[in-house]
Amino acid sequence: MKQDLMALVKAVEKKLGQSITMATDFEKLALAFARQHVMLQPTSLKRLWAHLSGAEKPSAEVLDKVALFVGFQSWKAFKDALHGDDDGQTNYEV
């Protein structure tokens, strides 16, 4: 799961055009999500990034919303495209 999650985080950072490392970055990211009509709190996003270093697992709802932000219908659709189980070319740009 961590490799999939890392790919999702990288896709978000690519779409945003910057690495997310500071608390203010998560606030900016939450605003970028809101502009796409995807509501996530900065703390939820921060927990997602923290999971990469061994913190608590993000909820399915957060994963679905982040996948939606980068152009997928759900976290499952993102993983399917990542692993070749789905046609990711229509949704995913690397």
PDB file of N, CA and C in Angstrom:
ATOM      1  N   MET A   1       0.821  -1.198   0.000  1.00  0.00           N
ATOM      2  CA  MET A   1       0.000   0.000   0.000  1.00  0.00           C
ATOM      3  C   MET A   1       0.867   1.266   0.000  1.00  0.00           C
ATOM      4  N   LYS A   2       2.006   1.202   0.679  1.00  0.00           N
ATOM      5  CA  LYS A   2       2.814   2.426   0.774  1.00  0.00           C
ATOM      6  C   LYS A   2       3.328   2.882  -0.585  1.00  0.00           C
ATOM      7  N   GLN A   3       3.665   1.942  -1.471  1.00  0.00           N
ATOM      8  CA  GLN A   3       4.124   2.348  -2.799  1.00  0.00           C
ATOM      9  C   GLN A   3       2.990   3.015  -3.568  1.00  0.00           C
ATOM     10  N   ASP A   4       1.782   2.460  -3.440  1.00  0.00           N
ATOM     11  CA  ASP A   4       0.619   3.059  -4.098  1.00  0.00           C
ATOM     12  C   ASP A   4       0.354   4.448  -3.535  1.00  0.00           C
ATOM     13  N   LEU A   5       0.459   4.553  -2.221  1.00  0.00           N
ATOM     14  CA  LEU A   5       0.230   5.834  -1.561  1.00  0.00           C
ATOM     15  C   LEU A   5       1.295   6.855  -1.967  1.00  0.00           C
ATOM     16  N   MET A   6       2.525   6.409  -2.089  1.00  0.00           N
ATOM     17  CA  MET A   6       3.599   7.306  -2.528  1.00  0.00           C
ATOM     18  C   MET A   6       3.316   7.801  -3.946  1.00  0.00           C
ATOM     19  N   ALA A   7       2.823   6.917  -4.802  1.00  0.00           N
ATOM     20  CA  ALA A   7       2.484   7.321  -6.173  1.00  0.00           C
ATOM     21  C   ALA A   7       1.358   8.349  -6.165  1.00  0.00           C
ATOM     22  N   LEU A   8       0.380   8.165  -5.277  1.00  0.00           N
ATOM     23  CA  LEU A   8      -0.727   9.116  -5.172  1.00  0.00           C
ATOM     24  C   LEU A   8      -0.224  10.477  -4.693  1.00  0.00           C
ATOM     25  N   VAL A   9       0.625  10.482  -3.687  1.00  0.00           N
ATOM     26  CA  VAL A   9       1.197  11.728  -3.160  1.00  0.00           C
ATOM     27  C   VAL A   9       2.001  12.441  -4.249  1.00  0.00           C
ATOM     28  N   LYS A  10       2.795  11.687  -4.990  1.00  0.00           N
ATOM     29  CA  LYS A  10       3.584  12.285  -6.079  1.00  0.00           C
ATOM     30  C   LYS A  10       2.669  12.877  -7.151  1.00  0.00           C
ATOM     31  N   ALA A  11       1.555  12.205  -7.447  1.00  0.00           N
ATOM     32  CA  ALA A  11       0.604  12.725  -8.440  1.00  0.00           C
ATOM     33  C   ALA A  11      -0.016  14.035  -7.961  1.00  0.00           C
ATOM     34  N   VAL A  12      -0.331  14.112  -6.667  1.00  0.00           N
ATOM     35  CA  VAL A  12      -0.885  15.348  -6.102  1.00  0.00           C
ATOM     36  C   VAL A  12       0.154  16.462  -6.191  1.00  0.00           C
ATOM     37  N   GLU A  13       1.387  16.172  -5.794  1.00  0.00           N
ATOM     38  CA  GLU A  13       2.441  17.186  -5.837  1.00  0.00           C
ATOM     39  C   GLU A  13       2.708  17.643  -7.267  1.00  0.00           C
ATOM     40  N   LYS A  14       2.632  16.725  -8.217  1.00  0.00           N
ATOM     41  CA  LYS A  14       2.819  17.099  -9.618  1.00  0.00           C
ATOM     42  C   LYS A  14       1.696  18.025 -10.076  1.00  0.00           C
ATOM     43  N   LYS A  15       0.459  17.682  -9.717  1.00  0.00           N
ATOM     44  CA  LYS A  15      -0.676  18.514 -10.115  1.00  0.00           C
ATOM     45  C   LYS A  15      -0.578  19.896  -9.479  1.00  0.00           C
ATOM     46  N   LEU A  16      -0.131  19.946  -8.241  1.00  0.00           N
ATOM     47  CA  LEU A  16      -0.010  21.215  -7.531  1.00  0.00           C
ATOM     48  C   LEU A  16       1.226  22.003  -7.986  1.00  0.00           C
ATOM     49  N   GLY A  17       2.231  21.291  -8.483  1.00  0.00           N
ATOM     50  CA  GLY A  17       3.441  21.955  -8.952  1.00  0.00           C
ATOM     51  C   GLY A  17       4.461  22.236  -7.867  1.00  0.00           C
ATOM     52  N   GLN A  18       4.344  21.547  -6.726  1.00  0.00           N
ATOM     53  CA  GLN A  18       5.309  21.730  -5.643  1.00  0.00           C
ATOM     54  C   GLN A  18       5.247  20.561  -4.683  1.00  0.00           C
ATOM     55  N   SER A  19       6.333  20.367  -3.934  1.00  0.00           N
ATOM     56  CA  SER A  19       6.352  19.368  -2.873  1.00  0.00           C
ATOM     57  C   SER A  19       5.574  19.901  -1.683  1.00  0.00           C
ATOM     58  N   ILE A  20       4.953  18.997  -0.970  1.00  0.00           N
ATOM     59  CA  ILE A  20       4.178  19.364   0.216  1.00  0.00           C
ATOM     60  C   ILE A  20       4.998  18.948   1.431  1.00  0.00           C
ATOM     61  N   THR A  21       5.496  19.929   2.181  1.00  0.00           N
ATOM     62  CA  THR A  21       6.366  19.613   3.315  1.00  0.00           C
ATOM     63  C   THR A  21       6.029  20.385   4.587  1.00  0.00           C
ATOM     64  N   MET A  22       5.450  21.554   4.467  1.00  0.00           N
ATOM     65  CA  MET A  22       5.203  22.401   5.635  1.00  0.00           C
ATOM     66  C   MET A  22       3.708  22.496   5.923  1.00  0.00           C
ATOM     67  N   ALA A  23       3.374  22.908   7.134  1.00  0.00           N
ATOM     68  CA  ALA A  23       1.968  23.034   7.528  1.00  0.00           C
ATOM     69  C   ALA A  23       1.202  23.968   6.595  1.00  0.00           C
ATOM     70  N   THR A  24       1.827  25.050   6.181  1.00  0.00           N
ATOM     71  CA  THR A  24       1.142  25.987   5.285  1.00  0.00           C
ATOM     72  C   THR A  24       0.887  25.363   3.916  1.00  0.00           C
ATOM     73  N   ASP A  25       1.738  24.406   3.514  1.00  0.00           N
ATOM     74  CA  ASP A  25       1.515  23.706   2.250  1.00  0.00           C
ATOM     75  C   ASP A  25       0.210  22.911   2.290  1.00  0.00           C
ATOM     76  N   PHE A  26      -0.103  22.323   3.449  1.00  0.00           N
ATOM     77  CA  PHE A  26      -1.333  21.546   3.571  1.00  0.00           C
ATOM     78  C   PHE A  26      -2.561  22.453   3.520  1.00  0.00           C
ATOM     79  N   GLU A  27      -2.425  23.664   4.027  1.00  0.00           N
ATOM     80  CA  GLU A  27      -3.524  24.629   3.927  1.00  0.00           C
ATOM     81  C   GLU A  27      -3.745  25.029   2.470  1.00  0.00           C
ATOM     82  N   LYS A  28      -2.662  25.275   1.743  1.00  0.00           N
ATOM     83  CA  LYS A  28      -2.771  25.603   0.317  1.00  0.00           C
ATOM     84  C   LYS A  28      -3.361  24.435  -0.461  1.00  0.00           C
ATOM     85  N   LEU A  29      -2.935  23.229  -0.102  1.00  0.00           N
ATOM     86  CA  LEU A  29      -3.439  22.041  -0.777  1.00  0.00           C
ATOM     87  C   LEU A  29      -4.935  21.867  -0.522  1.00  0.00           C
ATOM     88  N   ALA A  30      -5.377  22.096   0.706  1.00  0.00           N
ATOM     89  CA  ALA A  30      -6.807  22.002   1.015  1.00  0.00           C
ATOM     90  C   ALA A  30      -7.599  23.012   0.191  1.00  0.00           C
ATOM     91  N   LEU A  31      -7.051  24.204  -0.013  1.00  0.00           N
ATOM     92  CA  LEU A  31      -7.715  25.204  -0.857  1.00  0.00           C
ATOM     93  C   LEU A  31      -7.762  24.752  -2.315  1.00  0.00           C
ATOM     94  N   ALA A  32      -6.689  24.120  -2.785  1.00  0.00           N
ATOM     95  CA  ALA A  32      -6.677  23.598  -4.157  1.00  0.00           C
ATOM     96  C   ALA A  32      -7.733  22.508  -4.317  1.00  0.00           C
ATOM     97  N   PHE A  33      -7.885  21.664  -3.308  1.00  0.00           N
ATOM     98  CA  PHE A  33      -8.934  20.647  -3.330  1.00  0.00           C
ATOM     99  C   PHE A  33     -10.305  21.315  -3.369  1.00  0.00           C
ATOM    100  N   ALA A  34     -10.497  22.343  -2.554  1.00  0.00           N
ATOM    101  CA  ALA A  34     -11.789  23.039  -2.491  1.00  0.00           C
ATOM    102  C   ALA A  34     -12.149  23.654  -3.836  1.00  0.00           C
ATOM    103  N   ARG A  35     -11.161  24.173  -4.553  1.00  0.00           N
ATOM    104  CA  ARG A  35     -11.429  24.725  -5.885  1.00  0.00           C
ATOM    105  C   ARG A  35     -11.923  23.654  -6.852  1.00  0.00           C
ATOM    106  N   GLN A  36     -11.602  22.403  -6.572  1.00  0.00           N
ATOM    107  CA  GLN A  36     -12.061  21.272  -7.386  1.00  0.00           C
ATOM    108  C   GLN A  36     -13.332  20.650  -6.790  1.00  0.00           C
ATOM    109  N   HIS A  37     -13.916  21.318  -5.792  1.00  0.00           N
ATOM    110  CA  HIS A  37     -15.129  20.862  -5.106  1.00  0.00           C
ATOM    111  C   HIS A  37     -14.904  19.555  -4.352  1.00  0.00           C
ATOM    112  N   VAL A  38     -13.696  19.361  -3.848  1.00  0.00           N
ATOM    113  CA  VAL A  38     -13.346  18.216  -3.016  1.00  0.00           C
ATOM    114  C   VAL A  38     -12.938  18.782  -1.664  1.00  0.00           C
ATOM    115  N   MET A  39     -13.741  18.509  -0.640  1.00  0.00           N
ATOM    116  CA  MET A  39     -13.500  19.104   0.666  1.00  0.00           C
ATOM    117  C   MET A  39     -12.701  18.163   1.568  1.00  0.00           C
ATOM    118  N   LEU A  40     -11.494  18.600   1.921  1.00  0.00           N
ATOM    119  CA  LEU A  40     -10.640  17.891   2.867  1.00  0.00           C
ATOM    120  C   LEU A  40      -9.969  18.917   3.760  1.00  0.00           C
ATOM    121  N   GLN A  41      -9.884  18.598   5.023  1.00  0.00           N
ATOM    122  CA  GLN A  41      -9.222  19.478   5.976  1.00  0.00           C
ATOM    123  C   GLN A  41      -7.703  19.332   5.848  1.00  0.00           C
ATOM    124  N   PRO A  42      -6.955  20.399   6.107  1.00  0.00           N
ATOM    125  CA  PRO A  42      -5.489  20.302   6.081  1.00  0.00           C
ATOM    126  C   PRO A  42      -4.959  19.195   6.991  1.00  0.00           C
ATOM    127  N   THR A  43      -5.616  18.984   8.136  1.00  0.00           N
ATOM    128  CA  THR A  43      -5.154  17.935   9.055  1.00  0.00           C
ATOM    129  C   THR A  43      -5.308  16.544   8.445  1.00  0.00           C
ATOM    130  N   SER A  44      -6.366  16.315   7.678  1.00  0.00           N
ATOM    131  CA  SER A  44      -6.542  15.017   7.009  1.00  0.00           C
ATOM    132  C   SER A  44      -5.447  14.795   5.978  1.00  0.00           C
ATOM    133  N   LEU A  45      -5.127  15.842   5.240  1.00  0.00           N
ATOM    134  CA  LEU A  45      -4.067  15.740   4.241  1.00  0.00           C
ATOM    135  C   LEU A  45      -2.714  15.514   4.912  1.00  0.00           C
ATOM    136  N   LYS A  46      -2.485  16.194   6.018  1.00  0.00           N
ATOM    137  CA  LYS A  46      -1.224  16.036   6.745  1.00  0.00           C
ATOM    138  C   LYS A  46      -1.074  14.604   7.253  1.00  0.00           C
ATOM    139  N   ARG A  47      -2.166  14.003   7.729  1.00  0.00           N
ATOM    140  CA  ARG A  47      -2.125  12.613   8.186  1.00  0.00           C
ATOM    141  C   ARG A  47      -1.788  11.666   7.037  1.00  0.00           C
ATOM    142  N   LEU A  48      -2.317  11.964   5.857  1.00  0.00           N
ATOM    143  CA  LEU A  48      -2.020  11.135   4.688  1.00  0.00           C
ATOM    144  C   LEU A  48      -0.521  11.154   4.395  1.00  0.00           C
ATOM    145  N   TRP A  49       0.077  12.334   4.370  1.00  0.00           N
ATOM    146  CA  TRP A  49       1.516  12.447   4.125  1.00  0.00           C
ATOM    147  C   TRP A  49       2.299  11.802   5.268  1.00  0.00           C
ATOM    148  N   ALA A  50       1.828  11.931   6.504  1.00  0.00           N
ATOM    149  CA  ALA A  50       2.519  11.362   7.663  1.00  0.00           C
ATOM    150  C   ALA A  50       2.516   9.837   7.619  1.00  0.00           C
ATOM    151  N   HIS A  51       1.501   9.256   7.001  1.00  0.00           N
ATOM    152  CA  HIS A  51       1.428   7.796   6.918  1.00  0.00           C
ATOM    153  C   HIS A  51       2.630   7.221   6.172  1.00  0.00           C
ATOM    154  N   LEU A  52       3.196   7.983   5.272  1.00  0.00           N
ATOM    155  CA  LEU A  52       4.361   7.504   4.526  1.00  0.00           C
ATOM    156  C   LEU A  52       5.550   7.247   5.439  1.00  0.00           C
ATOM    157  N   SER A  53       5.576   7.905   6.589  1.00  0.00           N
ATOM    158  CA  SER A  53       6.673   7.695   7.536  1.00  0.00           C
ATOM    159  C   SER A  53       6.254   6.826   8.714  1.00  0.00           C
ATOM    160  N   GLY A  54       5.160   6.094   8.568  1.00  0.00           N
ATOM    161  CA  GLY A  54       4.768   5.126   9.577  1.00  0.00           C
ATOM    162  C   GLY A  54       3.657   5.544  10.512  1.00  0.00           C
ATOM    163  N   ALA A  55       3.035   6.667  10.285  1.00  0.00           N
ATOM    164  CA  ALA A  55       1.940   7.116  11.155  1.00  0.00           C
ATOM    165  C   ALA A  55       0.659   6.346  10.822  1.00  0.00           C
ATOM    166  N   GLU A  56      -0.435   6.757  11.428  1.00  0.00           N
ATOM    167  CA  GLU A  56      -1.703   6.048  11.251  1.00  0.00           C
ATOM    168  C   GLU A  56      -2.155   5.991   9.793  1.00  0.00           C
ATOM    169  N   LYS A  57      -2.904   4.941   9.497  1.00  0.00           N
ATOM    170  CA  LYS A  57      -3.394   4.723   8.138  1.00  0.00           C
ATOM    171  C   LYS A  57      -4.508   5.718   7.818  1.00  0.00           C
ATOM    172  N   PRO A  58      -4.484   6.329   6.633  1.00  0.00           N
ATOM    173  CA  PRO A  58      -5.552   7.263   6.254  1.00  0.00           C
ATOM    174  C   PRO A  58      -6.860   6.522   5.994  1.00  0.00           C
ATOM    175  N   SER A  59      -7.958   7.214   6.184  1.00  0.00           N
ATOM    176  CA  SER A  59      -9.266   6.592   5.969  1.00  0.00           C
ATOM    177  C   SER A  59      -9.527   6.382   4.486  1.00  0.00           C
ATOM    178  N   ALA A  60     -10.445   5.478   4.191  1.00  0.00           N
ATOM    179  CA  ALA A  60     -10.837   5.214   2.802  1.00  0.00           C
ATOM    180  C   ALA A  60     -11.421   6.469   2.168  1.00  0.00           C
ATOM    181  N   GLU A  61     -12.146   7.258   2.952  1.00  0.00           N
ATOM    182  CA  GLU A  61     -12.750   8.493   2.435  1.00  0.00           C
ATOM    183  C   GLU A  61     -11.673   9.482   1.980  1.00  0.00           C
ATOM    184  N   VAL A  62     -10.634   9.643   2.783  1.00  0.00           N
ATOM    185  CA  VAL A  62      -9.544  10.556   2.419  1.00  0.00           C
ATOM    186  C   VAL A  62      -8.837  10.054   1.165  1.00  0.00           C
ATOM    187  N   LEU A  63      -8.555   8.762   1.102  1.00  0.00           N
ATOM    188  CA  LEU A  63      -7.893   8.199  -0.074  1.00  0.00           C
ATOM    189  C   LEU A  63      -8.733   8.394  -1.330  1.00  0.00           C
ATOM    190  N   ASP A  64     -10.046   8.182  -1.216  1.00  0.00           N
ATOM    191  CA  ASP A  64     -10.934   8.381  -2.367  1.00  0.00           C
ATOM    192  C   ASP A  64     -10.923   9.835  -2.836  1.00  0.00           C
ATOM    193  N   LYS A  65     -10.951  10.768  -1.887  1.00  0.00           N
ATOM    194  CA  LYS A  65     -10.977  12.185  -2.257  1.00  0.00           C
ATOM    195  C   LYS A  65      -9.665  12.634  -2.895  1.00  0.00           C
ATOM    196  N   VAL A  66      -8.554  12.132  -2.395  1.00  0.00           N
ATOM    197  CA  VAL A  66      -7.264  12.499  -2.978  1.00  0.00           C
ATOM    198  C   VAL A  66      -7.137  11.899  -4.378  1.00  0.00           C
ATOM    199  N   ALA A  67      -7.587  10.669  -4.546  1.00  0.00           N
ATOM    200  CA  ALA A  67      -7.574  10.051  -5.879  1.00  0.00           C
ATOM    201  C   ALA A  67      -8.468  10.838  -6.837  1.00  0.00           C
ATOM    202  N   LEU A  68      -9.600  11.305  -6.362  1.00  0.00           N
ATOM    203  CA  LEU A  68     -10.502  12.120  -7.177  1.00  0.00           C
ATOM    204  C   LEU A  68      -9.801  13.400  -7.625  1.00  0.00           C
ATOM    205  N   PHE A  69      -9.038  14.006  -6.731  1.00  0.00           N
ATOM    206  CA  PHE A  69      -8.317  15.241  -7.038  1.00  0.00           C
ATOM    207  C   PHE A  69      -7.351  15.064  -8.206  1.00  0.00           C
ATOM    208  N   VAL A  70      -6.730  13.886  -8.309  1.00  0.00           N
ATOM    209  CA  VAL A  70      -5.768  13.654  -9.392  1.00  0.00           C
ATOM    210  C   VAL A  70      -6.398  12.971 -10.603  1.00  0.00           C
ATOM    211  N   GLY A  71      -7.734  12.885 -10.624  1.00  0.00           N
ATOM    212  CA  GLY A  71      -8.406  12.447 -11.840  1.00  0.00           C
ATOM    213  C   GLY A  71      -8.979  11.048 -11.855  1.00  0.00           C
ATOM    214  N   PHE A  72      -9.138  10.435 -10.707  1.00  0.00           N
ATOM    215  CA  PHE A  72      -9.694   9.090 -10.641  1.00  0.00           C
ATOM    216  C   PHE A  72     -10.999   9.096  -9.864  1.00  0.00           C
ATOM    217  N   GLN A  73     -11.825   8.102 -10.118  1.00  0.00           N
ATOM    218  CA  GLN A  73     -13.113   8.013  -9.435  1.00  0.00           C
ATOM    219  C   GLN A  73     -12.968   7.588  -7.980  1.00  0.00           C
ATOM    220  N   SER A  74     -11.894   6.853  -7.668  1.00  0.00           N
ATOM    221  CA  SER A  74     -11.708   6.339  -6.309  1.00  0.00           C
ATOM    222  C   SER A  74     -10.259   5.892  -6.116  1.00  0.00           C
ATOM    223  N   TRP A  75      -9.923   5.582  -4.873  1.00  0.00           N
ATOM    224  CA  TRP A  75      -8.611   5.035  -4.544  1.00  0.00           C
ATOM    225  C   TRP A  75      -8.420   3.704  -5.272  1.00  0.00           C
ATOM    226  N   LYS A  76      -9.472   2.887  -5.326  1.00  0.00           N
ATOM    227  CA  LYS A  76      -9.395   1.604  -6.025  1.00  0.00           C
ATOM    228  C   LYS A  76      -9.093   1.812  -7.507  1.00  0.00           C
ATOM    229  N   ALA A  77      -9.758   2.772  -8.143  1.00  0.00           N
ATOM    230  CA  ALA A  77      -9.510   3.046  -9.562  1.00  0.00           C
ATOM    231  C   ALA A  77      -8.067   3.504  -9.778  1.00  0.00           C
ATOM    232  N   PHE A  78      -7.544   4.309  -8.849  1.00  0.00           N
ATOM    233  CA  PHE A  78      -6.150   4.745  -8.940  1.00  0.00           C
ATOM    234  C   PHE A  78      -5.212   3.545  -8.864  1.00  0.00           C
ATOM    235  N   LYS A  79      -5.431   2.658  -7.864  1.00  0.00           N
ATOM    236  CA  LYS A  79      -4.574   1.485  -7.710  1.00  0.00           C
ATOM    237  C   LYS A  79      -4.687   0.562  -8.912  1.00  0.00           C
ATOM    238  N   ASP A  80      -5.904   0.365  -9.425  1.00  0.00           N
ATOM    239  CA  ASP A  80      -6.093  -0.490 -10.600  1.00  0.00           C
ATOM    240  C   ASP A  80      -5.313   0.051 -11.792  1.00  0.00           C
ATOM    241  N   ALA A  81      -5.359   1.353 -11.997  1.00  0.00           N
ATOM    242  CA  ALA A  81      -4.617   1.959 -13.106  1.00  0.00           C
ATOM    243  C   ALA A  81      -3.114   1.846 -12.884  1.00  0.00           C
ATOM    244  N   LEU A  82      -2.694   2.008 -11.649  1.00  0.00           N
ATOM    245  CA  LEU A  82      -1.279   1.938 -11.309  1.00  0.00           C
ATOM    246  C   LEU A  82      -0.706   0.549 -11.556  1.00  0.00           C
ATOM    247  N   HIS A  83      -1.519  -0.472 -11.297  1.00  0.00           N
ATOM    248  CA  HIS A  83      -1.061  -1.856 -11.424  1.00  0.00           C
ATOM    249  C   HIS A  83      -1.482  -2.514 -12.727  1.00  0.00           C
ATOM    250  N   GLY A  84      -2.037  -1.734 -13.647  1.00  0.00           N
ATOM    251  CA  GLY A  84      -2.390  -2.282 -14.943  1.00  0.00           C
ATOM    252  C   GLY A  84      -3.681  -3.059 -14.972  1.00  0.00           C
ATOM    253  N   ASP A  85      -4.484  -2.993 -13.910  1.00  0.00           N
ATOM    254  CA  ASP A  85      -5.757  -3.698 -13.875  1.00  0.00           C
ATOM    255  C   ASP A  85      -6.865  -2.899 -14.536  1.00  0.00           C
ATOM    256  N   ASP A  86      -6.551  -1.691 -14.967  1.00  0.00           N
ATOM    257  CA  ASP A  86      -7.539  -0.810 -15.580  1.00  0.00           C
ATOM    258  C   ASP A  86      -6.808   0.039 -16.611  1.00  0.00           C
ATOM    259  N   ASP A  87      -7.548   0.697 -17.469  1.00  0.00           N
ATOM    260  CA  ASP A  87      -6.935   1.560 -18.473  1.00  0.00           C
ATOM    261  C   ASP A  87      -6.653   2.920 -17.853  1.00  0.00           C
ATOM    262  N   GLY A  88      -5.490   3.054 -17.254  1.00  0.00           N
ATOM    263  CA  GLY A  88      -5.125   4.294 -16.585  1.00  0.00           C
ATOM    264  C   GLY A  88      -4.776   5.421 -17.531  1.00  0.00           C
ATOM    265  N   GLN A  89      -4.564   5.145 -18.802  1.00  0.00           N
ATOM    266  CA  GLN A  89      -4.176   6.192 -19.738  1.00  0.00           C
ATOM    267  C   GLN A  89      -5.251   7.253 -19.888  1.00  0.00           C
ATOM    268  N   THR A  90      -6.492   6.893 -19.668  1.00  0.00           N
ATOM    269  CA  THR A  90      -7.558   7.877 -19.806  1.00  0.00           C
ATOM    270  C   THR A  90      -7.638   8.796 -18.603  1.00  0.00           C
ATOM    271  N   ASN A  91      -7.038   8.393 -17.485  1.00  0.00           N
ATOM    272  CA  ASN A  91      -7.163   9.170 -16.262  1.00  0.00           C
ATOM    273  C   ASN A  91      -5.849   9.719 -15.739  1.00  0.00           C
ATOM    274  N   TYR A  92      -4.764   9.043 -15.965  1.00  0.00           N
ATOM    275  CA  TYR A  92      -3.549   9.291 -15.206  1.00  0.00           C
ATOM    276  C   TYR A  92      -2.416   9.761 -16.099  1.00  0.00           C
ATOM    277  N   GLU A  93      -1.781  10.843 -15.699  1.00  0.00           N
ATOM    278  CA  GLU A  93      -0.633  11.368 -16.429  1.00  0.00           C
ATOM    279  C   GLU A  93       0.596  11.251 -15.556  1.00  0.00           C
ATOM    280  N   VAL A  94       1.617  10.606 -16.056  1.00  0.00           N
ATOM    281  CA  VAL A  94       2.862  10.465 -15.290  1.00  0.00           C
ATOM    282  C   VAL A  94       3.937  11.291 -15.939  1.00  0.00           C
TER     283      VAL A  94
END
